[in-house]
Amino acid sequence: MEFRIQKNEFLRGLRLAQGIADRKSTMPILANVYLRTEGKTKILLAATDLNVSVSAELAAKVEKEGALTVGARPLHDIVANLPGEDVVFKRAENNWADIKAAKVAYKLVGMPDRDFPKLPDHREVAFAKCDPAVLREMIDKTLFSVSNDETRFHLNGVFFECDGAHARMVSTDGHRLSKVERTLTGGPALAAGVIIPKKGLVEIKRTVESEKNAISIAFQGSYVFIKTTDVVLAVKLIESQFPPYEQVIPKTNQKVAVIGRAALLEALKRASLMASETRGVRFTFEPGLLRVASDNPELGEVREEVEVDFNGEPVSVGFNPRYFTDLLTQMVSDEIRVEVAGELDPAVVKPREGDDYLGVVMPMRI
C-alpha cells in the first residue's frame, strides 16, 4: 500500500485513535492503528480496545492499495513532528512502514492487518439525529461522579434514558449522584435505560467536540454508535443493572437555603485547604447565614460566613468539599438551592429555578 495525505488530516484521525488504542493490553495489536486504502481518494483509519472502537475516513491520494497496522502512539508522534504539509506512507517488506515528509524518512515496525480485530458493524444500524452541544453538556454534567471502583462495574458509567424527545443522564459513585435532563428532539427512543462506560463517554465527547452540525446516534445490540461526517465511534455498553436512582434523591428535605453559587464555590475552595479525605467541611445553616468550617489537627482550622436565604431551624452537616465543588462547577445558575434535612441525611443541590439538573451529596461524619 502507498498513499499521500495532508499532515493535519492524518493527525485528526490519529488523535482519535491514540486515545482508544490499548497499550496495556496483553494483545499487542490493540496498541496499533489500522490503516486501509479505500478507493483512490480515501483511507480508513481505525483503532479499538475491544470495548471502544473508532473508524475514520480520511482524504488521501492512494497510489497503491493495501492495509497495515502500526503503533498508534509512535505513528502519531512521528507525524506530529514531521516537517511540511504532506506525508507519504508506504507499506514495505515484513510489515514495516516507510513514512516520509520533505527530507525526513522514518521506518516503523508494523503488524499484519489480518490480525486486527473486526470492528462492530454500523452499516445496517438505524441512526437518529442529535445536537452535539446538548450531548457534550450532558456528559460534562455527569462524568465527574462516575465511580472509578472497578469492582462496582455497574457504577462505572452513566445511565442514559431517552424517549425520542427527552433524554436523561444519571451517574453515581455511591457518595454523590448527578442527574441531568435535556430536550433531545428526534433522539433515539429506548425501551429501557443503558449504561455507557466512562471511557466511552470521554471518547464520545472528544469525537463530537468540534462538531457544530447535528450528529447521528444509535443503540444496537450491546453498542451505542456515534457518527459524524466521516467518523464512526462504537462503544460497548455495560451489561448490568443501574441502581434505582430515584430512591436515592430525597423528596422531603424541608430545610432550604438559597446561596450565591460563586460565593459558596470560593468559600469551599478556601475551606478545602484544611480538609482531607477523612476530615471534610462542616456546613452550619442558620437564619440568613451559612458557616463553612474545617478543622485539621495536623494543619489548623478555617471559618467563613456566607450570606444565605435560610429561615429554618439551625442544622449542621459535614461534606466532602470536592463533591460540592465538582457539582457547583458544572452549574451555571447565579444562585443555587441546597436542601437538607439533618446531619446524617444527604443534601440535594440544584439551580434556584428548575430541576433539570441536580446533585445529591452524602454527608460525612466530622
Protein backbone atom coordinates (compact mmCIF):
# COMPACT_ATOMS: atom_id res chain seq x y z
CA MET A 1 0.00 0.00 0.00
CA GLU A 2 1.05 3.59 -0.56
CA PHE A 3 -0.73 6.89 -0.08
CA ARG A 4 -0.08 10.61 0.28
CA ILE A 5 -2.06 12.56 2.87
CA GLN A 6 -2.10 16.03 4.37
CA LYS A 7 -0.34 16.05 7.72
CA ASN A 8 -3.22 17.78 9.56
CA GLU A 9 -5.77 15.36 8.08
CA PHE A 10 -3.67 12.39 9.20
CA LEU A 11 -3.27 13.87 12.69
CA ARG A 12 -7.02 14.40 13.02
CA GLY A 13 -7.59 10.68 12.76
CA LEU A 14 -4.54 9.69 14.78
CA ARG A 15 -5.59 11.86 17.73
CA LEU A 16 -8.84 9.91 17.97
CA ALA A 17 -7.07 6.58 17.52
CA GLN A 18 -4.35 7.02 20.11
CA GLY A 19 -6.90 7.78 22.84
CA ILE A 20 -8.54 4.41 22.21
CA ALA A 21 -5.64 2.10 21.29
CA ASP A 22 -4.84 -0.01 24.36
CA ARG A 23 -1.10 -0.03 25.11
CA LYS A 24 -1.58 -2.06 28.32
CA SER A 25 -3.42 -4.96 26.71
CA THR A 26 -1.99 -8.48 26.56
CA MET A 27 -2.87 -8.32 22.84
CA PRO A 28 -0.10 -6.17 21.27
CA ILE A 29 -2.15 -5.41 18.16
CA LEU A 30 -4.65 -3.43 20.24
CA ALA A 31 -1.93 -0.78 20.64
CA ASN A 32 -1.92 -0.39 16.85
CA VAL A 33 -3.88 1.74 14.43
CA TYR A 34 -5.35 0.01 11.37
CA LEU A 35 -4.82 1.69 8.01
CA ARG A 36 -6.52 0.58 4.79
CA THR A 37 -6.94 2.27 1.44
CA GLU A 38 -10.50 2.96 0.26
CA GLY A 39 -10.51 3.52 -3.50
CA LYS A 40 -8.23 6.20 -4.87
CA THR A 41 -9.19 9.16 -2.67
CA LYS A 42 -9.59 7.87 0.88
CA ILE A 43 -8.05 5.74 3.59
CA LEU A 44 -9.78 4.09 6.53
CA LEU A 45 -8.09 4.62 9.90
CA ALA A 46 -9.32 2.56 12.88
CA ALA A 47 -8.45 1.67 16.48
CA THR A 48 -10.08 -0.45 19.18
CA ASP A 49 -9.59 -1.74 22.71
CA LEU A 50 -12.47 -4.24 22.15
CA ASN A 51 -14.82 -2.01 24.17
CA VAL A 52 -14.45 1.29 22.33
CA SER A 53 -13.75 1.43 18.59
CA VAL A 54 -13.26 4.32 16.19
CA SER A 55 -13.05 4.41 12.41
CA ALA A 56 -12.43 7.50 10.30
CA GLU A 57 -12.39 8.05 6.55
CA LEU A 58 -9.61 10.47 5.67
CA ALA A 59 -8.99 12.20 2.35
CA ALA A 60 -5.80 10.91 0.72
CA LYS A 61 -4.24 10.25 -2.68
CA VAL A 62 -3.86 6.47 -2.98
CA GLU A 63 -1.00 5.23 -5.15
CA LYS A 64 -1.23 1.55 -4.24
CA GLU A 65 -3.99 -0.35 -2.44
CA GLY A 66 -3.43 -2.35 0.73
CA ALA A 67 -3.58 -2.32 4.51
CA LEU A 68 -1.27 -2.40 7.54
CA THR A 69 -1.30 -1.83 11.30
CA VAL A 70 1.34 0.15 13.21
CA GLY A 71 1.68 1.51 16.74
CA ALA A 72 -0.85 4.29 17.28
CA ARG A 73 1.23 6.36 19.71
CA PRO A 74 4.56 6.24 17.78
CA LEU A 75 2.82 6.97 14.46
CA HIS A 76 1.00 9.95 15.99
CA ASP A 77 4.22 11.31 17.50
CA ILE A 78 6.15 10.84 14.26
CA VAL A 79 3.51 12.57 12.09
CA ALA A 80 3.08 15.40 14.62
CA ASN A 81 6.79 16.22 14.33
CA LEU A 82 7.23 15.87 10.59
CA PRO A 83 8.02 19.00 8.53
CA GLY A 84 5.93 20.22 5.63
CA GLU A 85 2.27 19.72 4.85
CA ASP A 86 2.15 16.28 3.21
CA VAL A 87 3.08 12.79 4.43
CA VAL A 88 3.81 9.74 2.29
CA PHE A 89 3.00 6.40 3.93
CA LYS A 90 4.12 3.13 2.32
CA ARG A 91 3.98 -0.50 3.37
CA ALA A 92 7.39 -2.07 2.99
CA GLU A 93 8.62 -5.67 3.36
CA ASN A 94 7.93 -7.70 6.53
CA ASN A 95 5.09 -5.36 7.56
CA TRP A 96 7.32 -2.34 8.09
CA ALA A 97 6.07 1.14 7.27
CA ASP A 98 8.03 3.82 5.42
CA ILE A 99 6.94 7.32 6.45
CA LYS A 100 8.36 10.30 4.57
CA ALA A 101 7.92 14.06 4.56
CA ALA A 102 10.26 16.56 2.91
CA LYS A 103 13.79 15.27 3.67
CA VAL A 104 12.78 13.16 6.67
CA ALA A 105 12.27 9.39 6.43
CA TYR A 106 11.15 7.02 9.20
CA LYS A 107 10.83 3.24 9.26
CA LEU A 108 8.28 1.90 11.72
CA VAL A 109 7.62 -1.70 12.76
CA GLY A 110 4.13 -2.89 11.87
CA MET A 111 1.91 -5.95 12.16
CA PRO A 112 -0.25 -7.73 9.54
CA ASP A 113 -3.66 -6.17 9.01
CA ARG A 114 -5.32 -9.62 9.04
CA ASP A 115 -4.63 -9.87 12.81
CA PHE A 116 -6.59 -6.71 13.61
CA PRO A 117 -9.93 -7.37 15.40
CA LYS A 118 -13.16 -6.99 13.47
CA LEU A 119 -14.95 -3.72 14.29
CA PRO A 120 -18.66 -3.50 15.21
CA ASP A 121 -20.70 -3.12 12.01
CA HIS A 122 -22.81 0.03 11.84
CA ARG A 123 -23.94 -0.23 8.22
CA GLU A 124 -27.39 -1.67 8.99
CA VAL A 125 -27.98 0.44 12.09
CA ALA A 126 -30.87 2.95 12.17
CA PHE A 127 -29.48 6.29 13.35
CA ALA A 128 -31.30 9.23 14.94
CA LYS A 129 -30.16 12.85 14.91
CA CYS A 130 -28.69 14.55 17.96
CA ASP A 131 -27.42 18.03 18.84
CA PRO A 132 -23.71 17.60 19.73
CA ALA A 133 -23.76 20.60 22.09
CA VAL A 134 -26.55 19.02 24.17
CA LEU A 135 -24.74 15.68 24.29
CA ARG A 136 -21.46 17.33 25.36
CA GLU A 137 -23.22 19.28 28.10
CA MET A 138 -24.97 16.21 29.47
CA ILE A 139 -21.68 14.29 29.56
CA ASP A 140 -19.92 17.15 31.36
CA LYS A 141 -22.64 17.34 33.99
CA THR A 142 -22.46 13.65 34.90
CA LEU A 143 -19.00 12.31 34.05
CA PHE A 144 -17.32 13.59 37.24
CA SER A 145 -19.49 11.48 39.55
CA VAL A 146 -18.91 8.14 37.80
CA SER A 147 -17.33 5.54 40.11
CA ASN A 148 -13.71 4.53 39.46
CA ASP A 149 -14.07 1.39 41.59
CA GLU A 150 -13.80 -1.41 39.01
CA THR A 151 -15.39 -3.92 41.40
CA ARG A 152 -18.63 -1.90 41.10
CA PHE A 153 -18.78 -2.06 37.32
CA HIS A 154 -22.49 -1.19 37.27
CA LEU A 155 -21.43 2.28 38.52
CA ASN A 156 -18.51 2.65 36.06
CA GLY A 157 -20.63 4.53 33.56
CA VAL A 158 -23.52 6.94 33.05
CA PHE A 159 -27.09 5.68 32.89
CA PHE A 160 -28.81 7.01 29.74
CA GLU A 161 -32.55 7.13 29.10
CA CYS A 162 -34.35 8.65 26.11
CA ASP A 163 -37.92 8.51 24.81
CA GLY A 164 -37.14 10.14 21.47
CA ALA A 165 -37.86 13.66 22.71
CA HIS A 166 -36.30 13.95 26.15
CA ALA A 167 -33.06 12.44 27.45
CA ARG A 168 -31.75 11.86 30.94
CA MET A 169 -28.27 11.00 32.19
CA VAL A 170 -27.52 9.84 35.74
CA SER A 171 -24.27 8.84 37.44
CA THR A 172 -23.25 7.95 40.97
CA ASP A 173 -20.22 6.63 42.82
CA GLY A 174 -22.16 5.81 45.97
CA HIS A 175 -21.14 9.06 47.70
CA ARG A 176 -22.78 11.51 45.28
CA LEU A 177 -25.18 11.49 42.38
CA SER A 178 -25.68 13.72 39.33
CA LYS A 179 -28.80 13.84 37.16
CA VAL A 180 -29.40 15.98 34.09
CA GLU A 181 -32.39 16.13 31.76
CA ARG A 182 -32.47 17.81 28.36
CA THR A 183 -34.70 18.04 25.30
CA LEU A 184 -33.36 15.78 22.57
CA THR A 185 -35.91 16.13 19.79
CA GLY A 186 -35.59 13.35 17.24
CA GLY A 187 -33.27 11.39 19.53
CA PRO A 188 -33.22 7.60 19.91
CA ALA A 189 -36.28 6.02 21.56
CA LEU A 190 -35.08 3.39 24.03
CA ALA A 191 -37.29 0.78 25.62
CA ALA A 192 -35.04 0.77 28.69
CA GLY A 193 -32.08 2.72 30.00
CA VAL A 194 -28.49 1.71 29.20
CA ILE A 195 -25.15 2.26 30.91
CA ILE A 196 -22.44 3.94 28.80
CA PRO A 197 -18.93 3.36 30.24
CA LYS A 198 -16.73 6.25 31.33
CA LYS A 199 -14.00 5.77 28.70
CA GLY A 200 -16.66 5.60 26.01
CA LEU A 201 -18.17 8.88 27.18
CA VAL A 202 -14.76 10.56 27.14
CA GLU A 203 -14.25 9.41 23.55
CA ILE A 204 -17.78 10.42 22.53
CA LYS A 205 -17.10 13.91 23.87
CA ARG A 206 -13.75 14.04 22.06
CA THR A 207 -15.34 12.87 18.80
CA VAL A 208 -18.11 15.49 18.80
CA GLU A 209 -16.03 18.27 20.41
CA SER A 210 -15.73 20.42 17.30
CA GLU A 211 -18.98 19.35 15.60
CA LYS A 212 -21.47 22.16 15.01
CA ASN A 213 -23.97 20.30 12.83
CA ALA A 214 -26.22 17.50 14.04
CA ILE A 215 -24.55 14.16 14.66
CA SER A 216 -26.11 10.70 14.43
CA ILE A 217 -26.62 8.33 17.36
CA ALA A 218 -27.92 4.77 17.52
CA PHE A 219 -28.24 1.94 20.02
CA GLN A 220 -27.97 -1.52 18.51
CA GLY A 221 -27.42 -4.74 20.41
CA SER A 222 -24.77 -4.09 23.07
CA TYR A 223 -23.34 -0.95 21.43
CA VAL A 224 -24.00 2.75 21.11
CA PHE A 225 -22.83 4.24 17.81
CA ILE A 226 -21.94 7.89 17.25
CA LYS A 227 -21.48 9.07 13.66
CA THR A 228 -20.22 12.38 12.34
CA THR A 229 -19.48 13.26 8.72
CA ASP A 230 -16.52 10.87 8.42
CA VAL A 231 -16.03 9.31 11.85
CA VAL A 232 -17.88 6.42 13.50
CA LEU A 233 -17.44 5.59 17.17
CA ALA A 234 -18.76 2.35 18.67
CA VAL A 235 -18.93 1.98 22.47
CA LYS A 236 -19.79 -1.32 24.14
CA LEU A 237 -22.44 -0.80 26.81
CA ILE A 238 -22.08 -2.06 30.37
CA GLU A 239 -24.44 -5.00 30.68
CA SER A 240 -25.60 -4.59 34.25
CA GLN A 241 -28.41 -3.14 36.32
CA PHE A 242 -28.09 0.51 37.32
CA PRO A 243 -29.36 1.18 40.87
CA PRO A 244 -32.85 2.71 41.32
CA TYR A 245 -31.54 6.27 41.43
CA GLU A 246 -34.89 7.93 42.13
CA GLN A 247 -34.91 6.27 45.54
CA VAL A 248 -31.60 7.99 46.36
CA ILE A 249 -32.88 11.51 45.69
CA PRO A 250 -34.51 12.90 48.87
CA LYS A 251 -38.02 14.20 48.26
CA THR A 252 -38.81 15.61 51.71
CA ASN A 253 -35.84 17.81 52.66
CA GLN A 254 -37.66 20.70 54.33
CA LYS A 255 -34.73 22.99 55.10
CA VAL A 256 -33.84 25.01 52.03
CA ALA A 257 -31.01 27.54 51.66
CA VAL A 258 -30.60 29.78 48.62
CA ILE A 259 -26.95 30.69 48.15
CA GLY A 260 -24.86 32.57 45.60
CA ARG A 261 -23.07 29.87 43.61
CA ALA A 262 -19.81 31.79 43.18
CA ALA A 263 -19.66 32.79 46.86
CA LEU A 264 -20.16 29.19 48.01
CA LEU A 265 -17.64 27.89 45.50
CA GLU A 266 -14.98 30.32 46.71
CA ALA A 267 -15.71 29.50 50.36
CA LEU A 268 -15.40 25.79 49.64
CA LYS A 269 -12.09 26.24 47.86
CA ARG A 270 -10.70 28.07 50.87
CA ALA A 271 -12.11 25.57 53.37
CA SER A 272 -10.76 22.59 51.40
CA LEU A 273 -7.22 23.80 52.11
CA MET A 274 -7.72 22.49 55.65
CA ALA A 275 -9.76 19.42 54.71
CA SER A 276 -8.68 15.86 53.90
CA GLU A 277 -10.28 12.63 52.68
CA THR A 278 -11.26 11.76 56.25
CA ARG A 279 -11.92 15.27 57.52
CA GLY A 280 -14.33 17.22 55.39
CA VAL A 281 -16.03 20.60 55.66
CA ARG A 282 -18.88 21.40 58.04
CA PHE A 283 -21.87 23.41 56.84
CA THR A 284 -23.88 25.07 59.60
CA PHE A 285 -27.10 26.66 58.36
CA GLU A 286 -28.63 29.40 60.50
CA PRO A 287 -31.22 32.08 59.64
CA GLY A 288 -29.59 34.29 56.99
CA LEU A 289 -26.19 32.66 57.43
CA LEU A 290 -24.09 29.68 56.38
CA ARG A 291 -20.97 28.94 58.41
CA VAL A 292 -18.36 26.96 56.48
CA ALA A 293 -15.66 25.44 58.70
CA SER A 294 -12.89 22.87 58.55
CA ASP A 295 -10.58 21.56 61.28
CA ASN A 296 -7.42 19.57 60.72
CA PRO A 297 -5.23 18.72 63.75
CA GLU A 298 -2.18 18.48 61.52
CA LEU A 299 -2.72 21.82 59.75
CA GLY A 300 -5.11 24.11 61.59
CA GLU A 301 -8.63 25.38 61.03
CA VAL A 302 -10.68 27.78 58.94
CA ARG A 303 -14.01 29.55 59.48
CA GLU A 304 -16.04 31.58 56.98
CA GLU A 305 -19.53 33.06 56.92
CA VAL A 306 -21.63 33.26 53.74
CA GLU A 307 -24.90 35.15 53.46
CA VAL A 308 -27.82 32.91 52.54
CA ASP A 309 -31.59 32.97 52.33
CA PHE A 310 -32.45 30.44 55.07
CA ASN A 311 -35.20 30.64 57.66
CA GLY A 312 -35.39 27.12 59.04
CA GLU A 313 -34.16 25.57 62.27
CA PRO A 314 -30.33 25.56 62.50
CA VAL A 315 -28.71 22.39 61.17
CA SER A 316 -25.09 21.30 60.81
CA VAL A 317 -23.88 18.75 58.22
CA GLY A 318 -20.41 17.58 57.15
CA PHE A 319 -19.50 17.08 53.48
CA ASN A 320 -16.56 16.22 51.26
CA PRO A 321 -15.83 19.67 49.74
CA ARG A 322 -14.69 18.21 46.41
CA TYR A 323 -18.11 16.68 45.82
CA PHE A 324 -19.75 20.08 46.20
CA THR A 325 -17.05 21.85 44.16
CA ASP A 326 -17.36 19.42 41.23
CA LEU A 327 -21.12 19.91 41.17
CA LEU A 328 -21.10 23.70 41.50
CA THR A 329 -18.51 24.00 38.73
CA GLN A 330 -20.97 22.39 36.30
CA MET A 331 -23.86 24.66 37.29
CA VAL A 332 -24.38 27.99 35.53
CA SER A 333 -27.11 29.46 37.74
CA ASP A 334 -26.07 32.52 39.77
CA GLU A 335 -27.97 31.16 42.76
CA ILE A 336 -28.41 27.57 43.89
CA ARG A 337 -30.66 25.73 46.33
CA VAL A 338 -29.21 23.44 48.99
CA GLU A 339 -31.91 21.26 50.51
CA VAL A 340 -31.04 19.46 53.76
CA ALA A 341 -32.88 17.52 56.48
CA GLY A 342 -30.45 16.54 59.24
CA GLU A 343 -26.77 15.94 59.93
CA LEU A 344 -26.91 12.33 58.71
CA ASP A 345 -29.06 12.96 55.63
CA PRO A 346 -27.94 13.63 52.04
CA ALA A 347 -28.23 17.13 50.60
CA VAL A 348 -29.87 17.99 47.28
CA VAL A 349 -28.18 20.73 45.24
CA LYS A 350 -29.90 22.31 42.23
CA PRO A 351 -30.24 25.68 40.47
CA ARG A 352 -32.59 28.11 42.19
CA GLU A 353 -35.04 27.79 39.31
CA GLY A 354 -35.89 24.46 37.68
CA ASP A 355 -34.80 20.93 38.43
CA ASP A 356 -33.44 19.76 35.07
CA TYR A 357 -30.03 19.38 36.74
CA LEU A 358 -29.39 18.32 40.31
CA GLY A 359 -26.86 16.63 42.51
CA VAL A 360 -27.10 14.59 45.69
CA VAL A 361 -24.20 14.67 48.14
CA MET A 362 -23.98 12.17 51.00
CA PRO A 363 -22.96 13.55 54.43
CA MET A 364 -19.68 12.90 56.27
CA ARG A 365 -19.22 12.34 59.96
CA ILE A 366 -16.87 15.06 61.22
